[in-house]
Amino acid sequence: MRLTTKGRFAVTAMIDVALNDGKGPVTLAGISERQKISLSYLEQLFGKLRRSDLVESVRGPGGGYRVARGLADISVAQIIQAVDEPMDATQCGGLENCHDDQRCMTHELWSNLNQCIQNYLVRVTLASLVEAQQKKGAATSVVCDRRVKSDKAPVAPA
């Protein structure tokens, strides 16, 4: 399983919008400049984010994008799913036909990993990511929180 730039950039861009939302609608050109993401790529991502009701567009002079609902109501899983990012560690895409049209011996392992990742990303909210960035005072970079519980399972940012 691999999270591509599509999912990474979508999450980064959503954090940028949320961090800068207090100044009015955020332009894609501004996000592009701050996050070093292609403007045309952002246009594609924001079309999908808008259709998923994660952002709303504001037209006219001073227009741009803003978060469409409360930051605590938006999970990283929703952002990634909105941009059609596959989150699947199985070789067969969950169809159980990965070994000569039969379920492979490790299918359950990868399927369980998918569920663990999904459960984690559902718990991580845009609000928690914004709060972590504000505490760091770094509005231009998003850093992975690598804290772990005693059982070594990743935990959501505080």
Protein backbone atom coordinates (compact mmCIF):
# COMPACT_ATOMS: atom_id res chain seq x y z
CA MET A 1 0.00 0.00 0.00
CA ARG A 2 1.23 3.43 -0.87
CA LEU A 3 -0.31 6.82 -0.39
CA THR A 4 0.42 8.81 -3.54
CA THR A 5 0.97 12.53 -3.88
CA LYS A 6 -2.73 12.98 -4.61
CA GLY A 7 -3.70 12.07 -1.05
CA ARG A 8 -0.73 13.79 0.53
CA PHE A 9 -1.29 17.01 -1.39
CA ALA A 10 -5.02 17.00 -0.65
CA VAL A 11 -4.41 16.74 3.10
CA THR A 12 -1.66 19.38 2.97
CA ALA A 13 -3.88 21.75 0.98
CA MET A 14 -6.80 21.27 3.37
CA ILE A 15 -4.55 22.10 6.32
CA ASP A 16 -3.34 25.20 4.48
CA VAL A 17 -6.91 26.36 3.82
CA ALA A 18 -7.88 25.77 7.45
CA LEU A 19 -4.80 27.58 8.79
CA ASN A 20 -5.34 30.60 6.54
CA ASP A 21 -9.16 30.66 6.56
CA GLY A 22 -9.36 33.44 9.17
CA LYS A 23 -7.97 35.86 6.58
CA GLY A 24 -10.85 35.20 4.17
CA PRO A 25 -11.13 32.73 1.30
CA VAL A 26 -7.84 31.10 0.37
CA THR A 27 -6.71 31.16 -3.25
CA LEU A 28 -5.27 28.14 -4.99
CA ALA A 29 -2.40 30.36 -6.15
CA GLY A 30 -1.61 31.09 -2.49
CA ILE A 31 -1.68 27.40 -1.57
CA SER A 32 0.45 26.62 -4.61
CA GLU A 33 3.06 29.16 -3.56
CA ARG A 34 3.13 28.21 0.13
CA GLN A 35 3.06 24.44 -0.35
CA LYS A 36 4.94 24.16 -3.66
CA ILE A 37 2.09 22.24 -5.33
CA SER A 38 1.27 22.78 -8.99
CA LEU A 39 -1.69 25.12 -9.51
CA SER A 40 -3.23 22.86 -12.15
CA TYR A 41 -2.94 19.87 -9.80
CA LEU A 42 -4.63 21.87 -7.02
CA GLU A 43 -7.45 22.78 -9.39
CA GLN A 44 -8.10 19.08 -10.00
CA LEU A 45 -7.95 18.24 -6.29
CA PHE A 46 -10.20 21.12 -5.22
CA GLY A 47 -12.84 20.16 -7.79
CA LYS A 48 -13.07 16.79 -6.05
CA LEU A 49 -12.89 18.30 -2.54
CA ARG A 50 -15.72 20.68 -3.46
CA ARG A 51 -17.89 17.90 -4.87
CA SER A 52 -17.39 16.02 -1.59
CA ASP A 53 -18.52 19.11 0.38
CA LEU A 54 -15.18 19.47 2.17
CA VAL A 55 -14.52 22.95 0.75
CA GLU A 56 -16.71 25.62 -0.74
CA SER A 57 -15.73 28.15 -3.35
CA VAL A 58 -16.23 31.88 -3.03
CA ARG A 59 -16.50 33.72 -6.35
CA GLY A 60 -15.53 37.23 -7.24
CA PRO A 61 -12.77 39.58 -6.14
CA GLY A 62 -11.16 38.25 -3.00
CA GLY A 63 -12.62 34.82 -3.75
CA GLY A 64 -11.08 31.45 -3.20
CA TYR A 65 -11.86 28.45 -1.03
CA ARG A 66 -12.80 27.88 2.58
CA VAL A 67 -13.50 24.79 4.62
CA ALA A 68 -17.16 23.82 4.18
CA ARG A 69 -17.80 22.52 7.71
CA GLY A 70 -16.26 22.28 11.15
CA LEU A 71 -12.64 21.16 11.22
CA ALA A 72 -13.46 18.52 13.82
CA ASP A 73 -16.05 17.08 11.42
CA ILE A 74 -13.53 16.39 8.65
CA SER A 75 -11.26 13.36 8.92
CA VAL A 76 -8.12 12.60 6.97
CA ALA A 77 -9.92 9.51 5.64
CA GLN A 78 -12.65 11.72 4.16
CA ILE A 79 -10.08 13.97 2.48
CA ILE A 80 -8.20 11.03 0.97
CA GLN A 81 -11.41 9.33 -0.18
CA ALA A 82 -12.65 12.60 -1.72
CA VAL A 83 -9.72 12.66 -4.14
CA ASP A 84 -10.22 9.00 -5.08
CA GLU A 85 -7.05 7.86 -3.38
CA PRO A 86 -7.07 4.06 -3.01
CA MET A 87 -6.24 2.87 0.48
CA ASP A 88 -5.76 -0.82 -0.18
CA ALA A 89 -2.82 -3.02 0.75
CA THR A 90 -4.27 -6.12 -0.89
CA GLN A 91 -2.93 -7.18 -4.25
CA CYS A 92 -6.42 -7.91 -5.52
CA GLY A 93 -8.24 -4.73 -4.51
CA GLY A 94 -10.30 -6.72 -2.02
CA LEU A 95 -11.74 -9.06 -4.66
CA GLU A 96 -10.00 -12.14 -3.20
CA ASN A 97 -8.75 -13.24 -6.62
CA CYS A 98 -5.05 -12.49 -6.19
CA HIS A 99 -3.67 -16.02 -6.57
CA ASP A 100 -4.95 -17.86 -9.67
CA ASP A 101 -8.42 -16.33 -9.14
CA GLN A 102 -8.37 -17.56 -5.54
CA ARG A 103 -7.77 -15.84 -2.24
CA CYS A 104 -4.05 -15.71 -1.45
CA MET A 105 -2.63 -16.91 1.86
CA THR A 106 -1.90 -13.36 3.06
CA HIS A 107 -5.18 -11.77 2.01
CA GLU A 108 -6.50 -11.51 5.56
CA LEU A 109 -3.25 -9.91 6.75
CA TRP A 110 -3.45 -7.13 4.15
CA SER A 111 -7.18 -6.75 4.56
CA ASN A 112 -6.73 -6.30 8.33
CA LEU A 113 -4.00 -3.74 7.68
CA ASN A 114 -6.44 -1.82 5.47
CA GLN A 115 -8.94 -1.74 8.34
CA CYS A 116 -6.31 -0.54 10.84
CA ILE A 117 -5.22 2.26 8.52
CA GLN A 118 -8.82 3.27 7.84
CA ASN A 119 -9.64 3.28 11.57
CA TYR A 120 -6.62 5.49 12.28
CA LEU A 121 -7.31 7.97 9.47
CA VAL A 122 -10.96 8.29 10.51
CA ARG A 123 -9.82 9.35 14.00
CA VAL A 124 -7.38 12.00 12.77
CA THR A 125 -9.33 15.20 12.15
CA LEU A 126 -8.45 18.33 10.28
CA ALA A 127 -8.86 20.15 13.61
CA SER A 128 -6.15 18.04 15.24
CA LEU A 129 -3.75 18.60 12.35
CA VAL A 130 -4.36 22.36 12.38
CA GLU A 131 -3.87 22.48 16.15
CA ALA A 132 -0.59 20.60 15.84
CA GLN A 133 0.64 23.06 13.21
CA GLN A 134 -0.41 26.06 15.28
CA LYS A 135 1.47 24.70 18.28
CA LYS A 136 4.56 24.33 16.12
CA GLY A 137 4.09 27.76 14.60
CA ALA A 138 4.81 26.32 11.16
CA ALA A 139 2.01 27.11 8.73
CA THR A 140 4.01 26.00 5.69
CA SER A 141 5.01 22.45 6.54
CA VAL A 142 3.07 19.44 7.70
CA VAL A 143 5.08 16.93 9.69
CA CYS A 144 4.00 13.39 10.52
CA ASP A 145 3.35 12.84 14.21
CA ARG A 146 5.33 9.75 15.15
CA ARG A 147 4.26 9.37 18.77
CA VAL A 148 3.32 5.85 19.73
CA LYS A 149 1.41 4.18 22.54
CA SER A 150 3.08 1.56 24.66
CA ASP A 151 1.78 -1.13 22.31
CA LYS A 152 3.52 0.66 19.42
CA ALA A 153 0.27 1.55 17.63
CA PRO A 154 0.16 5.05 16.08
CA VAL A 155 -2.00 7.57 17.86
CA ALA A 156 -3.83 10.60 16.53
CA PRO A 157 -2.11 13.96 17.00
CA ALA A 158 -3.10 15.75 20.19
